[in-house]
C-alpha cells in the first residue's frame, strides 16, 4: 500500500484525493485506508519529504 500511496503523490493531489482513489480500488474496514494514508503523509511531512499542513 505504501508504494501506491507514494505513486499517487507524484501528481499534484491531496490526502483526501489519495484516499478516494484507494477506496475505489480496495475494500477495507471503515477508516482503515484513511488512517493508513494519513500515517504515511504525516511521516513524510515529519521527515521533510513533503510540505504542507
N, C-alpha and C. Protein backbone atom coordinates (compact mmCIF):
# COMPACT_ATOMS: atom_id res chain seq x y z
N UNK A 1 0.83 -1.19 0.00
CA UNK A 1 0.00 0.00 0.00
C UNK A 1 0.87 1.25 0.00
N UNK A 2 2.02 1.21 0.67
CA UNK A 2 2.91 2.38 0.72
C UNK A 2 3.31 2.81 -0.68
N UNK A 3 3.69 1.86 -1.50
CA UNK A 3 4.10 2.18 -2.85
C UNK A 3 3.01 2.87 -3.64
N UNK A 4 1.80 2.42 -3.46
CA UNK A 4 0.68 3.03 -4.19
C UNK A 4 0.41 4.45 -3.69
N UNK A 5 0.49 4.65 -2.39
CA UNK A 5 0.31 6.00 -1.84
C UNK A 5 1.37 6.92 -2.42
N UNK A 6 2.61 6.47 -2.43
CA UNK A 6 3.69 7.29 -2.97
C UNK A 6 3.50 7.57 -4.45
N UNK A 7 3.01 6.61 -5.21
CA UNK A 7 2.80 6.83 -6.64
C UNK A 7 1.73 7.89 -6.87
N UNK A 8 0.70 7.93 -6.03
CA UNK A 8 -0.33 8.96 -6.15
C UNK A 8 0.23 10.33 -5.82
N UNK A 9 1.26 10.37 -4.98
CA UNK A 9 1.82 11.65 -4.57
C UNK A 9 2.73 12.25 -5.63
N UNK A 10 3.02 11.51 -6.68
CA UNK A 10 3.82 12.06 -7.78
C UNK A 10 3.03 13.12 -8.53
N UNK A 11 1.71 13.06 -8.41
CA UNK A 11 0.82 14.03 -9.04
C UNK A 11 0.48 15.12 -8.02
N UNK A 12 0.01 16.26 -8.50
CA UNK A 12 -0.48 17.30 -7.62
C UNK A 12 -1.81 16.80 -7.07
N UNK A 13 -1.86 16.43 -5.80
CA UNK A 13 -3.04 15.82 -5.23
C UNK A 13 -3.18 16.18 -3.76
N UNK A 14 -4.25 15.74 -3.15
CA UNK A 14 -4.49 15.96 -1.73
C UNK A 14 -4.60 14.61 -1.03
N UNK A 15 -4.49 14.65 0.26
CA UNK A 15 -4.66 13.43 1.05
C UNK A 15 -6.05 12.83 0.80
N UNK A 16 -7.05 13.67 0.75
CA UNK A 16 -8.42 13.20 0.52
C UNK A 16 -8.57 12.53 -0.84
N UNK A 17 -7.90 13.09 -1.84
CA UNK A 17 -7.96 12.51 -3.18
C UNK A 17 -7.27 11.14 -3.23
N UNK A 18 -6.17 11.01 -2.53
CA UNK A 18 -5.49 9.71 -2.46
C UNK A 18 -6.41 8.68 -1.81
N UNK A 19 -7.05 9.07 -0.72
CA UNK A 19 -7.99 8.16 -0.03
C UNK A 19 -9.10 7.76 -0.98
N UNK A 20 -9.67 8.72 -1.71
CA UNK A 20 -10.77 8.41 -2.63
C UNK A 20 -10.33 7.40 -3.68
N UNK A 21 -9.17 7.61 -4.28
CA UNK A 21 -8.68 6.69 -5.30
C UNK A 21 -8.44 5.30 -4.74
N UNK A 22 -7.89 5.24 -3.55
CA UNK A 22 -7.60 3.93 -2.96
C UNK A 22 -8.88 3.21 -2.53
N UNK A 23 -9.89 3.96 -2.07
CA UNK A 23 -11.16 3.33 -1.69
C UNK A 23 -11.87 2.76 -2.92
N UNK A 24 -11.65 3.37 -4.08
CA UNK A 24 -12.23 2.84 -5.32
C UNK A 24 -11.59 1.50 -5.69
N UNK A 25 -10.35 1.33 -5.32
CA UNK A 25 -9.60 0.14 -5.71
C UNK A 25 -9.65 -0.98 -4.66
N UNK A 26 -9.67 -0.62 -3.39
CA UNK A 26 -9.58 -1.61 -2.31
C UNK A 26 -10.80 -1.58 -1.41
N UNK A 27 -11.14 -2.74 -0.91
CA UNK A 27 -12.14 -2.84 0.14
C UNK A 27 -11.40 -2.95 1.45
N UNK A 28 -11.80 -2.16 2.43
CA UNK A 28 -11.15 -2.18 3.73
C UNK A 28 -12.16 -1.74 4.78
N UNK A 29 -11.92 -2.12 6.03
CA UNK A 29 -12.81 -1.66 7.09
C UNK A 29 -12.88 -0.13 7.13
N UNK A 30 -13.99 0.37 7.58
CA UNK A 30 -14.20 1.81 7.68
C UNK A 30 -13.05 2.49 8.40
N UNK A 31 -12.47 3.48 7.79
CA UNK A 31 -11.41 4.25 8.39
C UNK A 31 -10.00 3.71 8.20
N UNK A 32 -9.86 2.48 7.74
CA UNK A 32 -8.53 1.87 7.60
C UNK A 32 -7.69 2.57 6.54
N UNK A 33 -8.24 2.79 5.37
CA UNK A 33 -7.48 3.46 4.31
C UNK A 33 -7.15 4.88 4.72
N UNK A 34 -8.11 5.58 5.30
CA UNK A 34 -7.89 6.95 5.75
C UNK A 34 -6.74 7.00 6.76
N UNK A 35 -6.75 6.08 7.71
CA UNK A 35 -5.71 6.05 8.74
C UNK A 35 -4.34 5.74 8.13
N UNK A 36 -4.30 4.79 7.22
CA UNK A 36 -3.03 4.42 6.60
C UNK A 36 -2.46 5.57 5.77
N UNK A 37 -3.30 6.21 4.97
CA UNK A 37 -2.83 7.33 4.15
C UNK A 37 -2.36 8.47 5.05
N UNK A 38 -3.14 8.77 6.07
CA UNK A 38 -2.77 9.84 6.99
C UNK A 38 -1.42 9.55 7.66
N UNK A 39 -1.21 8.33 8.08
CA UNK A 39 0.04 7.94 8.73
C UNK A 39 1.23 8.15 7.80
N UNK A 40 1.10 7.72 6.55
CA UNK A 40 2.19 7.88 5.59
C UNK A 40 2.47 9.35 5.32
N UNK A 41 1.42 10.12 5.08
CA UNK A 41 1.58 11.55 4.80
C UNK A 41 2.21 12.26 6.01
N UNK A 42 1.76 11.94 7.20
CA UNK A 42 2.31 12.57 8.40
C UNK A 42 3.80 12.25 8.56
N UNK A 43 4.17 11.02 8.32
CA UNK A 43 5.58 10.63 8.42
C UNK A 43 6.44 11.35 7.38
N UNK A 44 5.93 11.46 6.16
CA UNK A 44 6.66 12.15 5.11
C UNK A 44 6.84 13.63 5.45
N UNK A 45 5.83 14.24 6.02
CA UNK A 45 5.94 15.64 6.46
C UNK A 45 6.96 15.76 7.59
N UNK A 46 6.92 14.82 8.52
CA UNK A 46 7.80 14.84 9.69
C UNK A 46 9.27 14.82 9.27
N UNK A 47 9.60 14.03 8.26
CA UNK A 47 10.99 13.93 7.83
C UNK A 47 11.36 14.98 6.77
N UNK A 48 10.40 15.82 6.40
CA UNK A 48 10.67 16.89 5.46
C UNK A 48 10.62 16.48 4.00
N UNK A 49 10.07 15.29 3.72
CA UNK A 49 10.00 14.81 2.35
C UNK A 49 8.92 15.51 1.54
N UNK A 50 7.88 16.00 2.24
CA UNK A 50 6.83 16.77 1.58
C UNK A 50 6.49 17.96 2.47
N UNK A 51 5.88 18.95 1.86
CA UNK A 51 5.45 20.13 2.61
C UNK A 51 3.95 20.10 2.79
N UNK A 52 3.46 20.89 3.68
CA UNK A 52 2.02 21.01 3.87
C UNK A 52 1.66 20.97 5.33
N UNK A 53 0.38 21.12 5.56
CA UNK A 53 -0.14 21.14 6.92
C UNK A 53 -0.34 19.75 7.45
